[in-house]
């Protein structure tokens, strides 16, 4: 896997924090974020199932510029 690191939460201690990568080979975004608690997972399940092989993670809104950069890294023409 050839992950391309995009960014880290700007309000971080740089040890345990949300991060974003792009995997151009698999055409996927990769997120490190805070694990969802059971209440948030239950709220997510209201819109559909949450299979055992999937997870809900939280990314702070202050990282929106990093998410945009990740989208542009994949394809700058996709908007």
PDB file of N, CA and C in Angstrom:
ATOM      1  N   UNK A   1       0.855  -1.173   0.000  1.00  0.00           N
ATOM      2  CA  UNK A   1       0.000   0.000   0.000  1.00  0.00           C
ATOM      3  C   UNK A   1       0.901   1.236   0.000  1.00  0.00           C
ATOM      4  N   UNK A   2       0.603   2.183  -0.836  1.00  0.00           N
ATOM      5  CA  UNK A   2       1.370   3.416  -0.938  1.00  0.00           C
ATOM      6  C   UNK A   2       0.521   4.582  -0.447  1.00  0.00           C
ATOM      7  N   UNK A   3       0.372   4.695   0.861  1.00  0.00           N
ATOM      8  CA  UNK A   3      -0.435   5.778   1.410  1.00  0.00           C
ATOM      9  C   UNK A   3       0.258   7.118   1.220  1.00  0.00           C
ATOM     10  N   UNK A   4      -0.539   8.107   0.895  1.00  0.00           N
ATOM     11  CA  UNK A   4      -0.036   9.475   0.821  1.00  0.00           C
ATOM     12  C   UNK A   4      -0.612  10.226   2.011  1.00  0.00           C
ATOM     13  N   UNK A   5       0.249  10.636   2.924  1.00  0.00           N
ATOM     14  CA  UNK A   5      -0.193  11.376   4.098  1.00  0.00           C
ATOM     15  C   UNK A   5      -0.645  12.758   3.662  1.00  0.00           C
ATOM     16  N   UNK A   6      -1.842  13.162   4.113  1.00  0.00           N
ATOM     17  CA  UNK A   6      -2.398  14.452   3.737  1.00  0.00           C
ATOM     18  C   UNK A   6      -2.305  15.448   4.884  1.00  0.00           C
ATOM     19  N   UNK A   7      -2.729  15.050   6.080  1.00  0.00           N
ATOM     20  CA  UNK A   7      -2.684  16.017   7.162  1.00  0.00           C
ATOM     21  C   UNK A   7      -3.094  15.447   8.497  1.00  0.00           C
ATOM     22  N   UNK A   8      -2.857  16.260   9.505  1.00  0.00           N
ATOM     23  CA  UNK A   8      -3.103  15.910  10.896  1.00  0.00           C
ATOM     24  C   UNK A   8      -3.945  17.016  11.526  1.00  0.00           C
ATOM     25  N   UNK A   9      -4.727  16.671  12.516  1.00  0.00           N
ATOM     26  CA  UNK A   9      -5.536  17.652  13.240  1.00  0.00           C
ATOM     27  C   UNK A   9      -4.636  18.817  13.663  1.00  0.00           C
ATOM     28  N   UNK A  10      -4.961  20.037  13.240  1.00  0.00           N
ATOM     29  CA  UNK A  10      -4.096  21.176  13.559  1.00  0.00           C
ATOM     30  C   UNK A  10      -4.062  21.522  15.051  1.00  0.00           C
ATOM     31  N   UNK A  11      -4.969  20.995  15.819  1.00  0.00           N
ATOM     32  CA  UNK A  11      -4.997  21.268  17.264  1.00  0.00           C
ATOM     33  C   UNK A  11      -4.569  20.023  18.030  1.00  0.00           C
ATOM     34  N   UNK A  12      -3.464  19.438  17.635  1.00  0.00           N
ATOM     35  CA  UNK A  12      -3.073  18.145  18.175  1.00  0.00           C
ATOM     36  C   UNK A  12      -1.766  18.202  18.947  1.00  0.00           C
ATOM     37  N   UNK A  13      -1.536  17.128  19.690  1.00  0.00           N
ATOM     38  CA  UNK A  13      -0.243  16.944  20.336  1.00  0.00           C
ATOM     39  C   UNK A  13       0.684  16.123  19.447  1.00  0.00           C
ATOM     40  N   UNK A  14       0.223  15.776  18.258  1.00  0.00           N
ATOM     41  CA  UNK A  14       0.936  15.006  17.242  1.00  0.00           C
ATOM     42  C   UNK A  14       1.253  13.572  17.675  1.00  0.00           C
ATOM     43  N   UNK A  15       0.605  13.067  18.706  1.00  0.00           N
ATOM     44  CA  UNK A  15       0.815  11.688  19.134  1.00  0.00           C
ATOM     45  C   UNK A  15      -0.443  10.860  18.922  1.00  0.00           C
ATOM     46  N   UNK A  16      -1.549  11.293  19.460  1.00  0.00           N
ATOM     47  CA  UNK A  16      -2.815  10.563  19.385  1.00  0.00           C
ATOM     48  C   UNK A  16      -3.856  11.489  18.796  1.00  0.00           C
ATOM     49  N   UNK A  17      -3.980  11.464  17.492  1.00  0.00           N
ATOM     50  CA  UNK A  17      -4.825  12.470  16.881  1.00  0.00           C
ATOM     51  C   UNK A  17      -5.404  12.002  15.557  1.00  0.00           C
ATOM     52  N   UNK A  18      -6.464  12.662  15.119  1.00  0.00           N
ATOM     53  CA  UNK A  18      -7.008  12.361  13.797  1.00  0.00           C
ATOM     54  C   UNK A  18      -6.010  12.715  12.692  1.00  0.00           C
ATOM     55  N   UNK A  19      -5.951  11.837  11.694  1.00  0.00           N
ATOM     56  CA  UNK A  19      -5.083  12.027  10.532  1.00  0.00           C
ATOM     57  C   UNK A  19      -5.832  11.564   9.283  1.00  0.00           C
ATOM     58  N   UNK A  20      -5.376  12.034   8.148  1.00  0.00           N
ATOM     59  CA  UNK A  20      -6.003  11.674   6.870  1.00  0.00           C
ATOM     60  C   UNK A  20      -4.915  11.279   5.877  1.00  0.00           C
ATOM     61  N   UNK A  21      -5.164  10.183   5.163  1.00  0.00           N
ATOM     62  CA  UNK A  21      -4.303   9.723   4.082  1.00  0.00           C
ATOM     63  C   UNK A  21      -5.159   9.459   2.855  1.00  0.00           C
ATOM     64  N   UNK A  22      -4.503   9.342   1.719  1.00  0.00           N
ATOM     65  CA  UNK A  22      -5.136   8.892   0.481  1.00  0.00           C
ATOM     66  C   UNK A  22      -4.347   7.672   0.007  1.00  0.00           C
ATOM     67  N   UNK A  23      -5.053   6.650  -0.416  1.00  0.00           N
ATOM     68  CA  UNK A  23      -4.437   5.480  -1.031  1.00  0.00           C
ATOM     69  C   UNK A  23      -4.795   5.527  -2.514  1.00  0.00           C
ATOM     70  N   UNK A  24      -3.905   6.055  -3.355  1.00  0.00           N
ATOM     71  CA  UNK A  24      -4.235   6.199  -4.769  1.00  0.00           C
ATOM     72  C   UNK A  24      -4.367   4.862  -5.497  1.00  0.00           C
ATOM     73  N   UNK A  25      -3.700   3.837  -5.010  1.00  0.00           N
ATOM     74  CA  UNK A  25      -3.779   2.526  -5.643  1.00  0.00           C
ATOM     75  C   UNK A  25      -5.165   1.922  -5.487  1.00  0.00           C
ATOM     76  N   UNK A  26      -5.684   1.982  -4.267  1.00  0.00           N
ATOM     77  CA  UNK A  26      -7.016   1.428  -3.995  1.00  0.00           C
ATOM     78  C   UNK A  26      -8.125   2.454  -4.199  1.00  0.00           C
ATOM     79  N   UNK A  27      -7.745   3.704  -4.474  1.00  0.00           N
ATOM     80  CA  UNK A  27      -8.693   4.800  -4.630  1.00  0.00           C
ATOM     81  C   UNK A  27      -9.576   4.928  -3.395  1.00  0.00           C
ATOM     82  N   UNK A  28      -8.919   5.087  -2.239  1.00  0.00           N
ATOM     83  CA  UNK A  28      -9.621   5.192  -0.962  1.00  0.00           C
ATOM     84  C   UNK A  28      -9.029   6.309  -0.108  1.00  0.00           C
ATOM     85  N   UNK A  29      -9.883   6.840   0.751  1.00  0.00           N
ATOM     86  CA  UNK A  29      -9.429   7.718   1.818  1.00  0.00           C
ATOM     87  C   UNK A  29      -9.208   6.851   3.048  1.00  0.00           C
ATOM     88  N   UNK A  30      -8.218   7.178   3.844  1.00  0.00           N
ATOM     89  CA  UNK A  30      -7.946   6.453   5.083  1.00  0.00           C
ATOM     90  C   UNK A  30      -7.971   7.481   6.212  1.00  0.00           C
ATOM     91  N   UNK A  31      -8.766   7.177   7.241  1.00  0.00           N
ATOM     92  CA  UNK A  31      -8.929   8.101   8.361  1.00  0.00           C
ATOM     93  C   UNK A  31      -8.508   7.453   9.668  1.00  0.00           C
ATOM     94  N   UNK A  32      -7.802   8.203  10.468  1.00  0.00           N
ATOM     95  CA  UNK A  32      -7.579   7.853  11.865  1.00  0.00           C
ATOM     96  C   UNK A  32      -8.375   8.887  12.641  1.00  0.00           C
ATOM     97  N   UNK A  33      -9.261   8.420  13.486  1.00  0.00           N
ATOM     98  CA  UNK A  33     -10.082   9.340  14.252  1.00  0.00           C
ATOM     99  C   UNK A  33     -10.443   8.744  15.589  1.00  0.00           C
ATOM    100  N   UNK A  34     -11.260   9.448  16.326  1.00  0.00           N
ATOM    101  CA  UNK A  34     -11.700   8.969  17.625  1.00  0.00           C
ATOM    102  C   UNK A  34     -12.794   7.922  17.427  1.00  0.00           C
ATOM    103  N   UNK A  35     -12.723   6.849  18.160  1.00  0.00           N
ATOM    104  CA  UNK A  35     -13.761   5.823  18.082  1.00  0.00           C
ATOM    105  C   UNK A  35     -15.093   6.397  18.547  1.00  0.00           C
ATOM    106  N   UNK A  36     -16.128   6.005  17.852  1.00  0.00           N
ATOM    107  CA  UNK A  36     -17.476   6.423  18.236  1.00  0.00           C
ATOM    108  C   UNK A  36     -17.900   5.663  19.483  1.00  0.00           C
ATOM    109  N   UNK A  37     -18.629   6.337  20.347  1.00  0.00           N
ATOM    110  CA  UNK A  37     -19.184   5.639  21.507  1.00  0.00           C
ATOM    111  C   UNK A  37     -20.468   4.926  21.088  1.00  0.00           C
ATOM    112  N   UNK A  38     -21.010   4.140  21.978  1.00  0.00           N
ATOM    113  CA  UNK A  38     -22.184   3.332  21.630  1.00  0.00           C
ATOM    114  C   UNK A  38     -23.390   4.192  21.261  1.00  0.00           C
ATOM    115  N   UNK A  39     -23.542   5.361  21.869  1.00  0.00           N
ATOM    116  CA  UNK A  39     -24.666   6.236  21.525  1.00  0.00           C
ATOM    117  C   UNK A  39     -24.563   6.721  20.080  1.00  0.00           C
ATOM    118  N   UNK A  40     -23.362   7.121  19.666  1.00  0.00           N
ATOM    119  CA  UNK A  40     -23.181   7.577  18.292  1.00  0.00           C
ATOM    120  C   UNK A  40     -23.366   6.424  17.312  1.00  0.00           C
ATOM    121  N   UNK A  41     -22.841   5.250  17.637  1.00  0.00           N
ATOM    122  CA  UNK A  41     -23.038   4.093  16.764  1.00  0.00           C
ATOM    123  C   UNK A  41     -24.519   3.772  16.615  1.00  0.00           C
ATOM    124  N   UNK A  42     -25.258   3.871  17.689  1.00  0.00           N
ATOM    125  CA  UNK A  42     -26.697   3.598  17.634  1.00  0.00           C
ATOM    126  C   UNK A  42     -27.401   4.624  16.744  1.00  0.00           C
ATOM    127  N   UNK A  43     -26.989   5.884  16.840  1.00  0.00           N
ATOM    128  CA  UNK A  43     -27.583   6.923  15.992  1.00  0.00           C
ATOM    129  C   UNK A  43     -27.267   6.649  14.517  1.00  0.00           C
ATOM    130  N   UNK A  44     -26.059   6.204  14.234  1.00  0.00           N
ATOM    131  CA  UNK A  44     -25.676   5.856  12.864  1.00  0.00           C
ATOM    132  C   UNK A  44     -26.532   4.700  12.355  1.00  0.00           C
ATOM    133  N   UNK A  45     -26.791   3.734  13.201  1.00  0.00           N
ATOM    134  CA  UNK A  45     -27.591   2.560  12.798  1.00  0.00           C
ATOM    135  C   UNK A  45     -29.030   2.939  12.435  1.00  0.00           C
ATOM    136  N   UNK A  46     -29.485   4.095  12.857  1.00  0.00           N
ATOM    137  CA  UNK A  46     -30.838   4.530  12.498  1.00  0.00           C
ATOM    138  C   UNK A  46     -30.972   4.746  10.994  1.00  0.00           C
ATOM    139  N   UNK A  47     -29.854   4.965  10.301  1.00  0.00           N
ATOM    140  CA  UNK A  47     -29.909   5.174   8.850  1.00  0.00           C
ATOM    141  C   UNK A  47     -29.506   3.927   8.074  1.00  0.00           C
ATOM    142  N   UNK A  48     -29.104   2.869   8.762  1.00  0.00           N
ATOM    143  CA  UNK A  48     -28.729   1.627   8.097  1.00  0.00           C
ATOM    144  C   UNK A  48     -27.837   0.787   8.994  1.00  0.00           C
ATOM    145  N   UNK A  49     -27.530  -0.434   8.564  1.00  0.00           N
ATOM    146  CA  UNK A  49     -26.736  -1.334   9.396  1.00  0.00           C
ATOM    147  C   UNK A  49     -25.289  -0.881   9.529  1.00  0.00           C
ATOM    148  N   UNK A  50     -24.646  -1.340  10.570  1.00  0.00           N
ATOM    149  CA  UNK A  50     -23.221  -1.118  10.789  1.00  0.00           C
ATOM    150  C   UNK A  50     -22.576  -2.500  10.900  1.00  0.00           C
ATOM    151  N   UNK A  51     -22.085  -3.027   9.771  1.00  0.00           N
ATOM    152  CA  UNK A  51     -21.511  -4.372   9.778  1.00  0.00           C
ATOM    153  C   UNK A  51     -20.302  -4.464  10.711  1.00  0.00           C
ATOM    154  N   UNK A  52     -20.023  -5.671  11.166  1.00  0.00           N
ATOM    155  CA  UNK A  52     -18.903  -5.900  12.078  1.00  0.00           C
ATOM    156  C   UNK A  52     -17.560  -5.492  11.487  1.00  0.00           C
ATOM    157  N   UNK A  53     -17.427  -5.529  10.168  1.00  0.00           N
ATOM    158  CA  UNK A  53     -16.151  -5.198   9.538  1.00  0.00           C
ATOM    159  C   UNK A  53     -16.004  -3.699   9.245  1.00  0.00           C
ATOM    160  N   UNK A  54     -16.942  -2.876   9.714  1.00  0.00           N
ATOM    161  CA  UNK A  54     -16.876  -1.431   9.523  1.00  0.00           C
ATOM    162  C   UNK A  54     -16.858  -0.736  10.879  1.00  0.00           C
ATOM    163  N   UNK A  55     -16.415   0.525  10.888  1.00  0.00           N
ATOM    164  CA  UNK A  55     -16.331   1.293  12.127  1.00  0.00           C
ATOM    165  C   UNK A  55     -16.782   2.728  11.873  1.00  0.00           C
ATOM    166  N   UNK A  56     -17.231   3.366  12.904  1.00  0.00           N
ATOM    167  CA  UNK A  56     -17.570   4.781  12.865  1.00  0.00           C
ATOM    168  C   UNK A  56     -16.457   5.513  13.610  1.00  0.00           C
ATOM    169  N   UNK A  57     -15.848   6.494  12.941  1.00  0.00           N
ATOM    170  CA  UNK A  57     -14.843   7.329  13.591  1.00  0.00           C
ATOM    171  C   UNK A  57     -15.268   8.781  13.473  1.00  0.00           C
ATOM    172  N   UNK A  58     -14.795   9.572  14.403  1.00  0.00           N
ATOM    173  CA  UNK A  58     -15.136  10.995  14.416  1.00  0.00           C
ATOM    174  C   UNK A  58     -13.903  11.801  14.008  1.00  0.00           C
ATOM    175  N   UNK A  59     -14.120  12.786  13.141  1.00  0.00           N
ATOM    176  CA  UNK A  59     -13.078  13.705  12.685  1.00  0.00           C
ATOM    177  C   UNK A  59     -13.590  15.116  12.966  1.00  0.00           C
ATOM    178  N   UNK A  60     -12.797  15.980  13.602  1.00  0.00           N
ATOM    179  CA  UNK A  60     -13.287  17.321  13.923  1.00  0.00           C
ATOM    180  C   UNK A  60     -13.465  18.195  12.680  1.00  0.00           C
ATOM    181  N   UNK A  61     -14.441  19.060  12.726  1.00  0.00           N
ATOM    182  CA  UNK A  61     -14.732  19.963  11.611  1.00  0.00           C
ATOM    183  C   UNK A  61     -13.540  20.856  11.300  1.00  0.00           C
ATOM    184  N   UNK A  62     -12.710  21.138  12.300  1.00  0.00           N
ATOM    185  CA  UNK A  62     -11.547  21.990  12.037  1.00  0.00           C
ATOM    186  C   UNK A  62     -10.595  21.358  11.016  1.00  0.00           C
ATOM    187  N   UNK A  63     -10.815  20.084  10.666  1.00  0.00           N
ATOM    188  CA  UNK A  63      -9.975  19.418   9.672  1.00  0.00           C
ATOM    189  C   UNK A  63     -10.562  19.491   8.267  1.00  0.00           C
ATOM    190  N   UNK A  64     -11.580  20.296   8.051  1.00  0.00           N
ATOM    191  CA  UNK A  64     -12.238  20.347   6.745  1.00  0.00           C
ATOM    192  C   UNK A  64     -11.252  20.701   5.636  1.00  0.00           C
ATOM    193  N   UNK A  65     -10.309  21.593   5.894  1.00  0.00           N
ATOM    194  CA  UNK A  65      -9.335  21.957   4.855  1.00  0.00           C
ATOM    195  C   UNK A  65      -8.444  20.765   4.499  1.00  0.00           C
ATOM    196  N   UNK A  66      -8.195  19.882   5.457  1.00  0.00           N
ATOM    197  CA  UNK A  66      -7.398  18.685   5.193  1.00  0.00           C
ATOM    198  C   UNK A  66      -8.207  17.691   4.365  1.00  0.00           C
ATOM    199  N   UNK A  67      -9.500  17.575   4.666  1.00  0.00           N
ATOM    200  CA  UNK A  67     -10.363  16.693   3.874  1.00  0.00           C
ATOM    201  C   UNK A  67     -10.469  17.192   2.428  1.00  0.00           C
ATOM    202  N   UNK A  68     -10.551  18.506   2.256  1.00  0.00           N
ATOM    203  CA  UNK A  68     -10.585  19.065   0.897  1.00  0.00           C
ATOM    204  C   UNK A  68      -9.285  18.782   0.165  1.00  0.00           C
ATOM    205  N   UNK A  69      -8.170  18.906   0.879  1.00  0.00           N
ATOM    206  CA  UNK A  69      -6.876  18.615   0.270  1.00  0.00           C
ATOM    207  C   UNK A  69      -6.795  17.144  -0.153  1.00  0.00           C
ATOM    208  N   UNK A  70      -7.350  16.261   0.672  1.00  0.00           N
ATOM    209  CA  UNK A  70      -7.368  14.835   0.326  1.00  0.00           C
ATOM    210  C   UNK A  70      -8.189  14.604  -0.945  1.00  0.00           C
ATOM    211  N   UNK A  71      -9.323  15.279  -1.042  1.00  0.00           N
ATOM    212  CA  UNK A  71     -10.151  15.143  -2.253  1.00  0.00           C
ATOM    213  C   UNK A  71      -9.398  15.653  -3.475  1.00  0.00           C
ATOM    214  N   UNK A  72      -8.739  16.773  -3.347  1.00  0.00           N
ATOM    215  CA  UNK A  72      -7.983  17.332  -4.477  1.00  0.00           C
ATOM    216  C   UNK A  72      -6.789  16.444  -4.836  1.00  0.00           C
ATOM    217  N   UNK A  73      -6.219  15.763  -3.864  1.00  0.00           N
ATOM    218  CA  UNK A  73      -5.069  14.882  -4.139  1.00  0.00           C
ATOM    219  C   UNK A  73      -5.482  13.703  -5.002  1.00  0.00           C
ATOM    220  N   UNK A  74      -6.714  13.271  -4.859  1.00  0.00           N
ATOM    221  CA  UNK A  74      -7.213  12.147  -5.653  1.00  0.00           C
ATOM    222  C   UNK A  74      -7.527  12.610  -7.070  1.00  0.00           C
ATOM    223  N   UNK A  75      -8.269  13.688  -7.186  1.00  0.00           N
ATOM    224  CA  UNK A  75      -8.648  14.207  -8.487  1.00  0.00           C
ATOM    225  C   UNK A  75      -9.064  15.669  -8.329  1.00  0.00           C
ATOM    226  N   UNK A  76      -8.229  16.585  -8.726  1.00  0.00           N
ATOM    227  CA  UNK A  76      -8.559  18.002  -8.533  1.00  0.00           C
ATOM    228  C   UNK A  76      -9.787  18.473  -9.301  1.00  0.00           C
ATOM    229  N   UNK A  77     -10.234  17.687 -10.289  1.00  0.00           N
ATOM    230  CA  UNK A  77     -11.397  18.092 -11.079  1.00  0.00           C
ATOM    231  C   UNK A  77     -12.707  17.588 -10.512  1.00  0.00           C
ATOM    232  N   UNK A  78     -12.664  16.711  -9.511  1.00  0.00           N
ATOM    233  CA  UNK A  78     -13.895  16.189  -8.923  1.00  0.00           C
ATOM    234  C   UNK A  78     -14.349  17.148  -7.850  1.00  0.00           C
ATOM    235  N   UNK A  79     -15.533  17.674  -7.990  1.00  0.00           N
ATOM    236  CA  UNK A  79     -16.066  18.620  -6.995  1.00  0.00           C
ATOM    237  C   UNK A  79     -17.529  18.334  -6.783  1.00  0.00           C
TER     238      UNK A  79
END
